[in-house]
Protein backbone atom coordinates (compact mmCIF):
# COMPACT_ATOMS: atom_id res chain seq x y z
CA MET A 1 0.00 0.00 0.00
CA ALA A 2 1.41 3.39 -1.00
CA THR A 3 1.47 6.15 1.59
CA ARG A 4 1.71 9.81 0.68
CA HIS A 5 3.23 12.60 2.78
CA ASP A 6 1.48 15.63 1.36
CA ALA A 7 1.16 19.37 1.80
CA SER A 8 -0.31 22.25 -0.16
CA SER A 9 0.90 22.51 -3.76
CA ASN A 10 -0.32 26.11 -3.98
CA THR A 11 3.20 27.49 -4.57
CA LEU A 12 4.36 30.19 -6.93
CA SER A 13 7.55 29.01 -8.55
CA TRP A 14 10.10 26.24 -8.92
CA LYS A 15 12.48 28.35 -6.82
CA THR A 16 10.33 28.00 -3.69
CA VAL A 17 8.10 24.95 -4.19
CA GLN A 18 8.09 22.47 -1.32
CA THR A 19 9.72 19.06 -1.61
CA LYS A 20 7.45 16.11 -0.78
CA ALA A 21 7.69 12.32 -0.58
CA VAL A 22 5.49 9.36 -1.40
CA HIS A 23 6.13 5.70 -0.57
CA ALA A 24 5.55 3.02 -3.21
CA ASN A 25 7.03 -0.42 -3.92
CA GLY A 26 9.40 -0.12 -0.98
CA VAL A 27 10.83 3.21 -2.14
CA ASN A 28 10.42 6.72 -0.74
CA PHE A 29 10.13 8.83 -3.91
CA VAL A 30 10.97 12.51 -3.52
CA TYR A 31 9.12 14.97 -5.74
CA ARG A 32 7.91 18.53 -6.22
CA GLU A 33 4.71 19.74 -7.86
CA LEU A 34 3.49 23.07 -9.20
CA GLY A 35 0.28 24.33 -10.73
CA THR A 36 -3.33 23.54 -9.91
CA PRO A 37 -4.18 19.85 -9.36
CA GLY A 38 -7.24 18.51 -11.12
CA SER A 39 -6.12 18.51 -14.73
CA VAL A 40 -4.00 15.80 -16.37
CA PRO A 41 -0.59 16.27 -14.74
CA VAL A 42 2.64 16.63 -16.70
CA VAL A 43 5.27 14.32 -15.23
CA PHE A 44 8.88 15.36 -15.88
CA LEU A 45 11.56 12.66 -16.33
CA HIS A 46 15.13 13.83 -16.05
CA HIS A 47 18.55 13.31 -17.65
CA PHE A 48 21.67 11.36 -16.68
CA ALA A 49 23.12 12.40 -13.30
CA ALA A 50 20.33 14.96 -12.68
CA VAL A 51 18.32 15.65 -9.55
CA LEU A 52 15.32 17.91 -8.98
CA ASP A 53 17.43 21.06 -8.89
CA ASP A 54 18.66 20.41 -12.44
CA TRP A 55 15.33 21.22 -14.07
CA ASP A 56 15.35 24.58 -15.83
CA PRO A 57 13.01 26.83 -13.81
CA ARG A 58 11.84 28.66 -16.95
CA ILE A 59 10.53 25.41 -18.44
CA ILE A 60 8.95 24.14 -15.20
CA ASP A 61 7.37 27.50 -14.32
CA GLY A 62 6.24 28.17 -17.87
CA ILE A 63 4.38 24.89 -18.19
CA ALA A 64 3.05 25.07 -14.61
CA GLU A 65 1.27 28.33 -15.45
CA HIS A 66 -1.24 26.21 -17.38
CA HIS A 67 -0.76 22.64 -16.11
CA HIS A 68 -0.24 20.61 -12.97
CA VAL A 69 3.48 19.76 -13.13
CA ILE A 70 5.20 16.97 -11.20
CA ALA A 71 8.96 16.36 -11.17
CA PHE A 72 10.54 13.56 -9.16
CA ASP A 73 13.71 11.66 -8.36
CA ASN A 74 13.36 8.10 -9.57
CA ARG A 75 14.63 5.14 -7.55
CA GLY A 76 18.10 5.84 -6.09
CA VAL A 77 18.35 9.35 -7.57
CA GLY A 78 18.97 12.41 -5.36
CA ALA A 79 17.02 12.16 -2.11
CA THR A 80 14.94 9.15 -3.25
CA ASP A 81 16.19 6.07 -1.43
CA SER A 82 17.21 2.61 -2.71
CA ALA A 83 19.65 2.07 -5.61
CA VAL A 84 19.39 3.03 -9.27
CA PRO A 85 18.75 0.00 -11.53
CA ALA A 86 20.98 -0.37 -14.59
CA ASP A 87 17.93 -1.10 -16.72
CA LEU A 88 15.65 1.29 -18.64
CA GLU A 89 12.63 -0.98 -18.31
CA GLN A 90 12.96 -1.09 -14.51
CA MET A 91 13.29 2.70 -14.47
CA GLY A 92 10.03 2.82 -16.40
CA ARG A 93 8.32 0.44 -13.96
CA ASP A 94 9.49 2.56 -11.02
CA ALA A 95 8.23 5.75 -12.65
CA ALA A 96 4.82 4.17 -13.31
CA ALA A 97 4.65 3.01 -9.67
CA PHE A 98 5.43 6.55 -8.51
CA ILE A 99 2.70 8.02 -10.74
CA ARG A 100 0.10 5.57 -9.50
CA ALA A 101 1.16 6.12 -5.88
CA LEU A 102 0.08 9.74 -6.29
CA GLY A 103 -3.33 8.49 -7.43
CA HIS A 104 -3.01 9.43 -11.10
CA HIS A 105 -4.44 7.19 -13.81
CA THR A 106 -3.70 9.43 -16.81
CA VAL A 107 -0.66 11.66 -17.26
CA ASP A 108 1.32 13.52 -19.87
CA LEU A 109 5.06 12.83 -19.94
CA LEU A 110 7.97 15.17 -20.62
CA GLY A 111 11.20 13.20 -20.83
CA PHE A 112 14.60 14.74 -21.47
CA SER A 113 17.59 12.62 -22.54
CA LEU A 114 17.62 9.51 -20.29
CA GLY A 115 14.18 10.63 -19.15
CA GLY A 116 12.99 10.40 -22.75
CA ALA A 117 14.11 6.78 -22.90
CA VAL A 118 12.24 6.09 -19.65
CA ALA A 119 9.15 7.84 -21.05
CA GLN A 120 9.22 5.45 -24.01
CA MET A 121 9.30 2.48 -21.61
CA ILE A 122 6.29 3.85 -19.71
CA ALA A 123 4.33 4.38 -22.93
CA LEU A 124 5.18 0.94 -24.31
CA HIS A 125 4.39 -0.99 -21.12
CA ASN A 126 1.65 1.21 -19.61
CA PRO A 127 -0.14 2.64 -22.65
CA THR A 128 -3.38 3.47 -20.83
CA LEU A 129 -1.47 5.58 -18.30
CA VAL A 130 -0.20 8.06 -20.90
CA ARG A 131 -2.11 10.71 -22.85
CA ARG A 132 0.60 12.78 -24.62
CA ILE A 133 4.41 12.65 -24.65
CA VAL A 134 7.22 15.17 -25.14
CA LEU A 135 10.58 13.56 -25.95
CA ALA A 136 13.55 15.95 -25.92
CA GLY A 137 17.22 15.25 -26.57
CA THR A 138 16.59 11.53 -26.83
CA GLY A 139 16.43 8.66 -29.29
CA PRO A 140 15.13 5.09 -29.61
CA ARG A 141 16.64 2.01 -27.98
CA GLY A 142 19.09 0.26 -30.29
CA ALA A 143 20.27 3.54 -31.80
CA GLY A 144 23.84 3.31 -33.05
CA GLY A 145 26.36 5.47 -31.22
CA VAL A 146 24.44 5.72 -27.96
CA ASP A 147 26.56 2.85 -26.64
CA GLN A 148 29.58 5.20 -26.95
CA MET A 149 28.14 7.41 -24.23
CA GLY A 150 30.81 6.42 -21.72
CA LYS A 151 33.58 7.87 -23.88
CA ILE A 152 31.59 11.03 -24.65
CA VAL A 153 30.79 11.66 -21.00
CA GLY A 154 34.31 10.82 -19.85
CA LEU A 155 35.90 13.32 -22.24
CA ALA A 156 33.44 16.02 -21.20
CA TYR A 157 34.19 15.45 -17.51
CA LEU A 158 37.91 15.74 -18.24
CA LYS A 159 37.41 19.04 -20.06
CA ALA A 160 35.16 20.24 -17.25
CA ALA A 161 37.76 19.41 -14.60
CA LEU A 162 40.46 21.30 -16.49
CA ALA A 163 38.14 24.29 -17.00
CA ARG A 164 36.62 24.04 -13.48
CA LYS A 165 33.15 23.98 -14.97
CA ASP A 166 30.13 21.69 -14.90
CA ALA A 167 30.42 19.00 -17.60
CA ARG A 168 27.12 20.14 -19.08
CA HIS A 169 28.90 23.21 -20.44
CA PHE A 170 30.52 20.78 -22.88
CA LEU A 171 27.77 18.17 -23.21
CA PHE A 172 24.68 20.38 -23.58
CA PHE A 173 25.82 23.52 -25.40
CA PRO A 174 28.02 24.21 -28.44
CA ARG A 175 31.33 25.89 -27.68
CA THR A 176 30.41 28.96 -29.68
CA ASP A 177 29.86 32.44 -28.27
CA GLU A 178 26.10 31.88 -28.50
CA GLY A 179 26.33 28.45 -26.90
CA LYS A 180 28.61 29.61 -24.10
CA SER A 181 26.25 32.48 -23.31
CA ALA A 182 23.27 30.10 -23.27
CA ALA A 183 25.16 27.79 -20.90
CA GLU A 184 25.94 30.61 -18.47
CA ASP A 185 22.29 31.69 -18.49
CA TYR A 186 21.15 28.10 -17.91
CA PHE A 187 23.41 27.60 -14.89
CA ALA A 188 22.38 30.96 -13.45
CA ARG A 189 18.76 29.79 -13.63
CA LEU A 190 19.61 26.47 -11.95
CA ALA A 191 21.17 28.38 -9.05
CA GLU A 192 18.03 30.42 -8.35
CA ARG A 193 16.75 27.94 -5.77
CA SER A 194 18.75 28.53 -2.59
CA VAL A 195 16.74 26.61 0.04
CA ASP A 196 15.69 22.97 0.40
CA ARG A 197 18.10 21.85 -2.30
CA ASP A 198 18.06 18.22 -3.39
CA LYS A 199 20.69 15.67 -2.41
CA ARG A 200 23.47 15.36 -4.99
CA ILE A 201 23.57 12.39 -7.32
CA SER A 202 25.59 9.43 -6.01
CA MET A 203 28.37 7.61 -7.81
CA GLN A 204 26.26 4.43 -7.76
CA ALA A 205 23.47 6.30 -9.53
CA ARG A 206 25.82 7.72 -12.17
CA ILE A 207 27.36 4.32 -12.95
CA ALA A 208 24.01 2.51 -13.07
CA GLN A 209 22.44 5.17 -15.29
CA LEU A 210 25.39 5.03 -17.67
CA LYS A 211 25.10 1.24 -17.84
CA ALA A 212 21.39 1.59 -18.60
CA ILE A 213 22.10 4.09 -21.39
CA VAL A 214 24.81 1.90 -22.93
CA GLY A 215 22.56 -1.15 -22.62
CA GLY A 216 19.79 0.75 -24.33
CA GLY A 217 22.10 1.60 -27.20
CA LYS A 218 22.89 -2.08 -27.70
CA ALA A 219 19.33 -3.34 -27.19
CA THR A 220 17.01 -4.71 -29.83
CA PRO A 221 14.99 -1.76 -31.21
CA ASP A 222 11.48 -1.37 -29.83
CA ASP A 223 8.40 -1.40 -32.03
CA LEU A 224 7.67 2.31 -31.64
CA ALA A 225 4.64 2.02 -33.91
CA ARG A 226 2.91 0.72 -30.78
CA ILE A 227 3.04 4.23 -29.31
CA ALA A 228 -0.31 5.61 -30.46
CA GLN A 229 -0.27 8.78 -28.36
CA PRO A 230 0.60 12.17 -29.89
CA VAL A 231 4.33 12.79 -29.46
CA PHE A 232 6.40 15.97 -29.72
CA VAL A 233 10.09 15.24 -30.42
CA ALA A 234 12.63 18.06 -29.97
CA ASN A 235 16.40 18.39 -30.09
CA GLY A 236 19.25 20.66 -31.06
CA ASP A 237 20.84 20.35 -34.48
CA ASN A 238 24.24 19.22 -33.14
CA ASP A 239 23.62 16.92 -30.18
CA LEU A 240 26.87 15.29 -29.00
CA MET A 241 25.18 12.89 -26.59
CA VAL A 242 22.24 11.61 -28.64
CA ALA A 243 22.83 12.34 -32.31
CA SER A 244 20.16 14.64 -33.70
CA ASP A 245 19.52 12.05 -36.42
CA HIS A 246 18.37 9.65 -33.70
CA SER A 247 15.67 12.12 -32.66
CA ALA A 248 14.56 12.37 -36.29
CA ASP A 249 14.51 8.55 -36.51
CA LEU A 250 12.48 8.43 -33.29
CA ALA A 251 9.87 10.77 -34.78
CA ARG A 252 9.72 8.82 -38.05
CA ARG A 253 9.01 5.58 -36.21
CA ILE A 254 6.23 6.96 -33.98
CA PRO A 255 3.06 7.31 -36.08
CA ASN A 256 1.51 10.42 -34.51
CA SER A 257 4.57 12.63 -34.00
CA LYS A 258 6.07 15.98 -34.83
CA LEU A 259 9.75 16.93 -34.90
CA THR A 260 11.36 20.27 -34.08
CA ILE A 261 15.11 20.80 -34.38
CA TYR A 262 16.53 23.98 -32.86
CA PRO A 263 19.44 25.60 -34.75
CA ARG A 264 22.97 26.26 -33.49
CA SER A 265 22.33 24.17 -30.40
CA GLY A 266 23.12 20.81 -28.90
CA HIS A 267 21.78 18.33 -26.37
CA GLY A 268 20.43 21.21 -24.27
CA GLY A 269 18.62 22.83 -27.19
CA ILE A 270 15.35 23.03 -25.23
CA PHE A 271 17.12 25.04 -22.53
CA GLN A 272 18.88 27.31 -25.01
CA TYR A 273 15.51 27.87 -26.77
CA HIS A 274 13.24 27.71 -23.73
CA ARG A 275 11.33 30.79 -24.94
CA ASP A 276 10.28 28.80 -28.03
CA PHE A 277 10.05 25.37 -26.43
CA VAL A 278 7.60 26.25 -23.65
CA PRO A 279 4.89 27.74 -25.94
CA ALA A 280 5.28 24.77 -28.29
CA VAL A 281 4.78 22.32 -25.42
CA LEU A 282 1.77 24.26 -24.12
CA ASP A 283 0.15 24.17 -27.55
CA PHE A 284 0.87 20.47 -27.86
CA LEU A 285 -0.55 19.61 -24.44
CA ALA A 286 -3.66 21.74 -24.77
CA ASP A 287 -6.84 19.68 -24.91
CA GLY A 288 -7.89 19.58 -28.53
CA GLY A 289 -4.81 21.60 -29.42
CA SER A 290 -2.70 21.09 -32.49
CA THR A 291 0.60 19.27 -32.62
CA PRO A 292 3.65 21.54 -32.16
CA VAL A 293 3.97 24.32 -34.71
CA PRO A 294 7.35 25.39 -36.12
CA THR A 295 8.84 28.29 -34.20
CA PRO A 296 10.68 31.19 -35.85
CA SER A 297 13.96 29.98 -34.39
CA ALA A 298 13.60 26.36 -35.53
CA SER A 299 15.79 25.46 -38.47
CA ALA A 300 13.98 22.26 -39.39
CA THR A 301 10.48 21.16 -38.59
CA GLY A 302 8.16 18.78 -40.25
CA ASP A 303 5.33 16.34 -39.88
CA GLN A 304 6.27 12.70 -39.72
CA PRO A 305 4.46 10.06 -41.74
């Protein structure tokens, strides 16, 4: 039986929202929620080595103005207890257990990077739980090159150590003047929350997540035609972590999907272009709304067959 430790969700911003916990399947899941409960909630699924404080406040706050938003630490991540499984399917099962522990039977999903892979697992194995899906900076299981993630991440961490910067400066943003400026703005936004910060990611979590990503890259491809929900796929045009072509392939293989590629950007394209991304997501999630429309800053958009 799941038990929920709750409090008012009537908060104003991601910077001040209260951290809560809910118990399910032997795990105390830590989460935060914004917006007005009652509508279909948007559940955020995060990237490799990320905790709650790594969500861009502009994206969370922007979507929470119109939707009930829930972000959480999956099993073994941040302040959530237990250990991270090295398996995408188990991550998906844990996420579904968390959602149901909060009493939700229908949700929208927004998955970024590793979170996008987990969102695919939820949709494939719990199709009635999901209404609409946003997949950003991610690709399908079995995508070539994803199994090289260890080398990509290792090199970025080396560069980061030498530069005394967060590795995401090198993994998420191009090393151009525009990209460097976007990175500085992104990290300034992440630092806005000064109280009740999340627990840092553990080494066990990092290693297990990396194993899950590499295993996903080597896995047999999923039949993504089984995903019948509307899907919005987004990425930058030069993603070093998940090749932008993989996002395009993902959109081609999902029947009811739309692809937006943001120019002069990388894995963190949705953060660099948050002013475009948030309105596109809101339009996509709106009941009876259209699929995402091309934004003025998008270099390539198009309907998928």
